Amino acid sequence: LLPKSKESYHSKCQEYERLRREGTSQKEIDKAELKSKKAGEALRRTVEKYNAARADFEQRMLDSAMRFQEVEEAHLRHMKGLIGSYSHSVEDTHVQIGQVHEEFKQNV
């Protein structure tokens, strides 16, 4: 939409300038000038809408990224807890295996 409005504005301005250079009737020049001004206003409104939509998009992306980061950090904390728990289990099992091995050696 923005490129179309920009193109329309430029074509209306070129048409207005062409009519002025060619010495066309004042009525035609005034019509072209009015069209040029209207196209300029339409372009200004389109740019404002575009900027508002861009700002909204950027804010939503920022909010989404923050939520994703929070979810990822919670996931990593959970995984760290699981790995720590697993590590302690392996360590305890290793100690118990050592005790069983010592008991076995003593009983043999």
N, C-alpha and C. Protein backbone atom coordinates (compact mmCIF):
# COMPACT_ATOMS: atom_id res chain seq x y z
N LEU A 1 0.82 -1.20 0.00
CA LEU A 1 0.00 0.00 0.00
C LEU A 1 0.86 1.25 0.00
N LEU A 2 1.94 1.23 0.78
CA LEU A 2 2.82 2.40 0.83
C LEU A 2 3.47 2.67 -0.51
N PRO A 3 4.05 1.68 -1.17
CA PRO A 3 4.66 1.97 -2.48
C PRO A 3 3.64 2.49 -3.50
N LYS A 4 2.41 1.96 -3.44
CA LYS A 4 1.37 2.40 -4.38
C LYS A 4 1.03 3.88 -4.13
N SER A 5 0.90 4.27 -2.86
CA SER A 5 0.60 5.67 -2.53
C SER A 5 1.75 6.58 -2.94
N LYS A 6 2.96 6.10 -2.72
CA LYS A 6 4.14 6.89 -3.09
C LYS A 6 4.19 7.09 -4.60
N GLU A 7 3.94 6.01 -5.33
CA GLU A 7 3.95 6.08 -6.79
C GLU A 7 2.86 7.03 -7.30
N SER A 8 1.68 6.94 -6.71
CA SER A 8 0.57 7.82 -7.10
C SER A 8 0.93 9.28 -6.84
N TYR A 9 1.51 9.55 -5.69
CA TYR A 9 1.90 10.92 -5.35
C TYR A 9 2.91 11.46 -6.36
N HIS A 10 3.92 10.66 -6.64
CA HIS A 10 4.95 11.11 -7.59
C HIS A 10 4.38 11.33 -8.99
N SER A 11 3.48 10.46 -9.42
CA SER A 11 2.90 10.64 -10.76
C SER A 11 2.02 11.89 -10.80
N LYS A 12 1.27 12.16 -9.73
CA LYS A 12 0.44 13.37 -9.70
C LYS A 12 1.31 14.62 -9.69
N CYS A 13 2.41 14.59 -8.95
CA CYS A 13 3.33 15.74 -8.93
C CYS A 13 3.97 15.95 -10.29
N GLN A 14 4.36 14.88 -10.94
CA GLN A 14 4.96 14.99 -12.27
C GLN A 14 3.95 15.55 -13.27
N GLU A 15 2.71 15.08 -13.15
CA GLU A 15 1.66 15.57 -14.04
C GLU A 15 1.45 17.07 -13.83
N TYR A 16 1.41 17.49 -12.58
CA TYR A 16 1.24 18.91 -12.25
C TYR A 16 2.38 19.74 -12.82
N GLU A 17 3.62 19.28 -12.62
CA GLU A 17 4.80 20.00 -13.14
C GLU A 17 4.78 20.05 -14.68
N ARG A 18 4.38 18.96 -15.30
CA ARG A 18 4.33 18.90 -16.76
C ARG A 18 3.32 19.92 -17.30
N LEU A 19 2.17 19.97 -16.66
CA LEU A 19 1.14 20.93 -17.10
C LEU A 19 1.60 22.37 -16.92
N ARG A 20 2.31 22.64 -15.84
CA ARG A 20 2.82 24.00 -15.61
C ARG A 20 3.85 24.38 -16.67
N ARG A 21 4.73 23.44 -17.01
CA ARG A 21 5.77 23.72 -18.02
C ARG A 21 5.18 23.92 -19.41
N GLU A 22 4.15 23.15 -19.72
CA GLU A 22 3.56 23.22 -21.05
C GLU A 22 2.65 24.43 -21.24
N GLY A 23 2.36 25.13 -20.17
CA GLY A 23 1.50 26.30 -20.29
C GLY A 23 0.05 25.96 -20.52
N THR A 24 -0.41 24.89 -19.93
CA THR A 24 -1.81 24.47 -20.04
C THR A 24 -2.69 25.50 -19.32
N SER A 25 -3.99 25.43 -19.54
CA SER A 25 -4.91 26.40 -18.93
C SER A 25 -4.82 26.35 -17.41
N GLN A 26 -5.10 27.47 -16.79
CA GLN A 26 -5.01 27.59 -15.33
C GLN A 26 -5.96 26.61 -14.64
N LYS A 27 -7.11 26.39 -15.24
CA LYS A 27 -8.09 25.46 -14.68
C LYS A 27 -7.50 24.05 -14.59
N GLU A 28 -6.85 23.60 -15.66
CA GLU A 28 -6.22 22.28 -15.68
C GLU A 28 -5.08 22.21 -14.67
N ILE A 29 -4.31 23.28 -14.57
CA ILE A 29 -3.19 23.32 -13.61
C ILE A 29 -3.74 23.25 -12.19
N ASP A 30 -4.81 23.99 -11.92
CA ASP A 30 -5.41 23.97 -10.58
C ASP A 30 -5.95 22.58 -10.23
N LYS A 31 -6.57 21.92 -11.20
CA LYS A 31 -7.06 20.55 -10.99
C LYS A 31 -5.89 19.61 -10.67
N ALA A 32 -4.83 19.74 -11.44
CA ALA A 32 -3.66 18.88 -11.22
C ALA A 32 -3.02 19.17 -9.87
N GLU A 33 -2.99 20.45 -9.49
CA GLU A 33 -2.42 20.82 -8.19
C GLU A 33 -3.26 20.23 -7.06
N LEU A 34 -4.56 20.29 -7.19
CA LEU A 34 -5.46 19.73 -6.18
C LEU A 34 -5.26 18.21 -6.07
N LYS A 35 -5.16 17.55 -7.23
CA LYS A 35 -4.91 16.10 -7.22
C LYS A 35 -3.57 15.79 -6.56
N SER A 36 -2.57 16.60 -6.83
CA SER A 36 -1.25 16.42 -6.25
C SER A 36 -1.31 16.57 -4.73
N LYS A 37 -2.03 17.59 -4.26
CA LYS A 37 -2.16 17.80 -2.81
C LYS A 37 -2.92 16.66 -2.15
N LYS A 38 -3.98 16.20 -2.81
CA LYS A 38 -4.75 15.07 -2.27
C LYS A 38 -3.89 13.81 -2.20
N ALA A 39 -3.11 13.59 -3.23
CA ALA A 39 -2.21 12.42 -3.24
C ALA A 39 -1.17 12.55 -2.14
N GLY A 40 -0.70 13.78 -1.90
CA GLY A 40 0.27 14.01 -0.82
C GLY A 40 -0.34 13.72 0.54
N GLU A 41 -1.58 14.13 0.74
CA GLU A 41 -2.28 13.83 2.00
C GLU A 41 -2.51 12.33 2.16
N ALA A 42 -2.89 11.69 1.07
CA ALA A 42 -3.10 10.24 1.11
C ALA A 42 -1.79 9.53 1.46
N LEU A 43 -0.69 10.01 0.88
CA LEU A 43 0.61 9.42 1.18
C LEU A 43 0.96 9.64 2.64
N ARG A 44 0.71 10.84 3.16
CA ARG A 44 1.01 11.14 4.56
C ARG A 44 0.22 10.22 5.49
N ARG A 45 -1.08 10.04 5.20
CA ARG A 45 -1.91 9.15 6.02
C ARG A 45 -1.41 7.70 5.94
N THR A 46 -1.03 7.28 4.75
CA THR A 46 -0.52 5.92 4.57
C THR A 46 0.77 5.72 5.36
N VAL A 47 1.65 6.71 5.32
CA VAL A 47 2.91 6.63 6.07
C VAL A 47 2.62 6.55 7.57
N GLU A 48 1.65 7.34 8.04
CA GLU A 48 1.29 7.30 9.46
C GLU A 48 0.75 5.93 9.83
N LYS A 49 -0.12 5.36 8.99
CA LYS A 49 -0.65 4.02 9.25
C LYS A 49 0.47 2.99 9.24
N TYR A 50 1.37 3.12 8.27
CA TYR A 50 2.50 2.19 8.17
C TYR A 50 3.36 2.27 9.43
N ASN A 51 3.66 3.48 9.87
CA ASN A 51 4.50 3.65 11.07
C ASN A 51 3.81 3.10 12.31
N ALA A 52 2.50 3.30 12.42
CA ALA A 52 1.76 2.76 13.56
C ALA A 52 1.76 1.23 13.52
N ALA A 53 1.55 0.66 12.34
CA ALA A 53 1.55 -0.80 12.20
C ALA A 53 2.94 -1.37 12.50
N ARG A 54 3.98 -0.68 12.04
CA ARG A 54 5.35 -1.13 12.30
C ARG A 54 5.65 -1.08 13.80
N ALA A 55 5.26 0.01 14.46
CA ALA A 55 5.50 0.14 15.90
C ALA A 55 4.75 -0.95 16.66
N ASP A 56 3.51 -1.23 16.25
CA ASP A 56 2.73 -2.28 16.89
C ASP A 56 3.39 -3.64 16.68
N PHE A 57 3.83 -3.90 15.46
CA PHE A 57 4.51 -5.16 15.15
C PHE A 57 5.77 -5.32 16.00
N GLU A 58 6.58 -4.27 16.06
CA GLU A 58 7.82 -4.33 16.83
C GLU A 58 7.53 -4.58 18.31
N GLN A 59 6.50 -3.93 18.85
CA GLN A 59 6.16 -4.14 20.26
C GLN A 59 5.69 -5.56 20.51
N ARG A 60 4.86 -6.07 19.61
CA ARG A 60 4.39 -7.46 19.76
C ARG A 60 5.54 -8.46 19.64
N MET A 61 6.46 -8.19 18.72
CA MET A 61 7.61 -9.09 18.59
C MET A 61 8.47 -9.05 19.85
N LEU A 62 8.66 -7.86 20.41
CA LEU A 62 9.43 -7.72 21.65
C LEU A 62 8.74 -8.48 22.78
N ASP A 63 7.42 -8.32 22.91
CA ASP A 63 6.68 -9.04 23.95
C ASP A 63 6.80 -10.55 23.76
N SER A 64 6.67 -11.01 22.52
CA SER A 64 6.78 -12.44 22.24
C SER A 64 8.18 -12.96 22.56
N ALA A 65 9.19 -12.20 22.17
CA ALA A 65 10.57 -12.62 22.45
C ALA A 65 10.81 -12.71 23.95
N MET A 66 10.26 -11.76 24.70
CA MET A 66 10.42 -11.80 26.16
C MET A 66 9.74 -13.04 26.74
N ARG A 67 8.54 -13.35 26.25
CA ARG A 67 7.83 -14.54 26.74
C ARG A 67 8.60 -15.81 26.38
N PHE A 68 9.10 -15.88 25.15
CA PHE A 68 9.89 -17.05 24.75
C PHE A 68 11.12 -17.19 25.63
N GLN A 69 11.77 -16.08 25.94
CA GLN A 69 12.96 -16.12 26.78
C GLN A 69 12.60 -16.63 28.18
N GLU A 70 11.48 -16.15 28.74
CA GLU A 70 11.06 -16.61 30.06
C GLU A 70 10.79 -18.11 30.06
N VAL A 71 10.10 -18.59 29.03
CA VAL A 71 9.80 -20.02 28.92
C VAL A 71 11.10 -20.82 28.80
N GLU A 72 12.03 -20.33 27.97
CA GLU A 72 13.30 -21.03 27.79
C GLU A 72 14.11 -21.05 29.07
N GLU A 73 14.13 -19.94 29.80
CA GLU A 73 14.88 -19.89 31.07
C GLU A 73 14.27 -20.86 32.08
N ALA A 74 12.94 -20.92 32.16
CA ALA A 74 12.28 -21.87 33.07
C ALA A 74 12.62 -23.30 32.67
N HIS A 75 12.61 -23.56 31.37
CA HIS A 75 12.95 -24.91 30.88
C HIS A 75 14.39 -25.27 31.25
N LEU A 76 15.31 -24.32 31.07
CA LEU A 76 16.71 -24.59 31.40
C LEU A 76 16.90 -24.81 32.90
N ARG A 77 16.18 -24.05 33.74
CA ARG A 77 16.27 -24.27 35.19
C ARG A 77 15.76 -25.66 35.54
N HIS A 78 14.65 -26.06 34.92
CA HIS A 78 14.09 -27.38 35.16
C HIS A 78 15.08 -28.48 34.74
N MET A 79 15.66 -28.32 33.56
CA MET A 79 16.64 -29.30 33.07
C MET A 79 17.86 -29.36 33.98
N LYS A 80 18.31 -28.20 34.46
CA LYS A 80 19.45 -28.17 35.37
C LYS A 80 19.13 -28.94 36.65
N GLY A 81 17.91 -28.76 37.15
CA GLY A 81 17.49 -29.51 38.34
C GLY A 81 17.46 -31.01 38.07
N LEU A 82 16.94 -31.41 36.91
CA LEU A 82 16.91 -32.84 36.56
C LEU A 82 18.31 -33.42 36.44
N ILE A 83 19.19 -32.68 35.80
CA ILE A 83 20.57 -33.16 35.63
C ILE A 83 21.26 -33.25 36.98
N GLY A 84 21.03 -32.26 37.85
CA GLY A 84 21.60 -32.31 39.20
C GLY A 84 21.09 -33.51 39.97
N SER A 85 19.79 -33.77 39.88
CA SER A 85 19.19 -34.91 40.56
C SER A 85 19.76 -36.22 40.01
N TYR A 86 19.88 -36.31 38.69
CA TYR A 86 20.45 -37.50 38.06
C TYR A 86 21.90 -37.70 38.51
N SER A 87 22.65 -36.62 38.55
CA SER A 87 24.05 -36.69 38.96
C SER A 87 24.17 -37.22 40.39
N HIS A 88 23.31 -36.71 41.28
CA HIS A 88 23.34 -37.19 42.67
C HIS A 88 22.95 -38.66 42.74
N SER A 89 21.98 -39.08 41.94
CA SER A 89 21.57 -40.49 41.92
C SER A 89 22.72 -41.37 41.45
N VAL A 90 23.41 -40.95 40.39
CA VAL A 90 24.55 -41.73 39.89
C VAL A 90 25.64 -41.79 40.95
N GLU A 91 25.89 -40.68 41.61
CA GLU A 91 26.92 -40.64 42.65
C GLU A 91 26.56 -41.56 43.81
N ASP A 92 25.29 -41.51 44.26
CA ASP A 92 24.85 -42.39 45.35
C ASP A 92 24.94 -43.85 44.93
N THR A 93 24.54 -44.15 43.70
CA THR A 93 24.61 -45.52 43.20
C THR A 93 26.06 -45.99 43.16
N HIS A 94 26.96 -45.11 42.74
CA HIS A 94 28.37 -45.46 42.68
C HIS A 94 28.90 -45.78 44.08
N VAL A 95 28.51 -44.99 45.07
CA VAL A 95 28.93 -45.25 46.45
C VAL A 95 28.37 -46.58 46.93
N GLN A 96 27.10 -46.84 46.65
CA GLN A 96 26.47 -48.10 47.06
C GLN A 96 27.14 -49.30 46.38
N ILE A 97 27.48 -49.16 45.11
CA ILE A 97 28.18 -50.24 44.40
C ILE A 97 29.52 -50.49 45.07
N GLY A 98 30.21 -49.42 45.45
CA GLY A 98 31.49 -49.57 46.14
C GLY A 98 31.32 -50.30 47.47
N GLN A 99 30.26 -49.97 48.21
CA GLN A 99 30.01 -50.65 49.49
C GLN A 99 29.70 -52.13 49.28
N VAL A 100 28.87 -52.42 48.28
CA VAL A 100 28.53 -53.82 47.98
C VAL A 100 29.79 -54.57 47.56
N HIS A 101 30.65 -53.92 46.79
CA HIS A 101 31.89 -54.54 46.35
C HIS A 101 32.78 -54.85 47.55
N GLU A 102 32.88 -53.93 48.49
CA GLU A 102 33.69 -54.16 49.69
C GLU A 102 33.11 -55.29 50.52
N GLU A 103 31.77 -55.31 50.68
CA GLU A 103 31.13 -56.39 51.43
C GLU A 103 31.38 -57.73 50.74
N PHE A 104 31.30 -57.75 49.43
CA PHE A 104 31.52 -58.97 48.67
C PHE A 104 32.95 -59.47 48.88
N LYS A 105 33.93 -58.53 48.83
CA LYS A 105 35.33 -58.92 49.02
C LYS A 105 35.56 -59.47 50.43
N GLN A 106 34.87 -58.88 51.41
CA GLN A 106 35.04 -59.33 52.78
C GLN A 106 34.40 -60.70 53.00
N ASN A 107 33.32 -60.98 52.33
CA ASN A 107 32.61 -62.24 52.51
C ASN A 107 33.22 -63.37 51.69
N VAL A 108 34.04 -63.07 50.75
CA VAL A 108 34.62 -64.12 49.92
C VAL A 108 35.88 -64.63 50.52
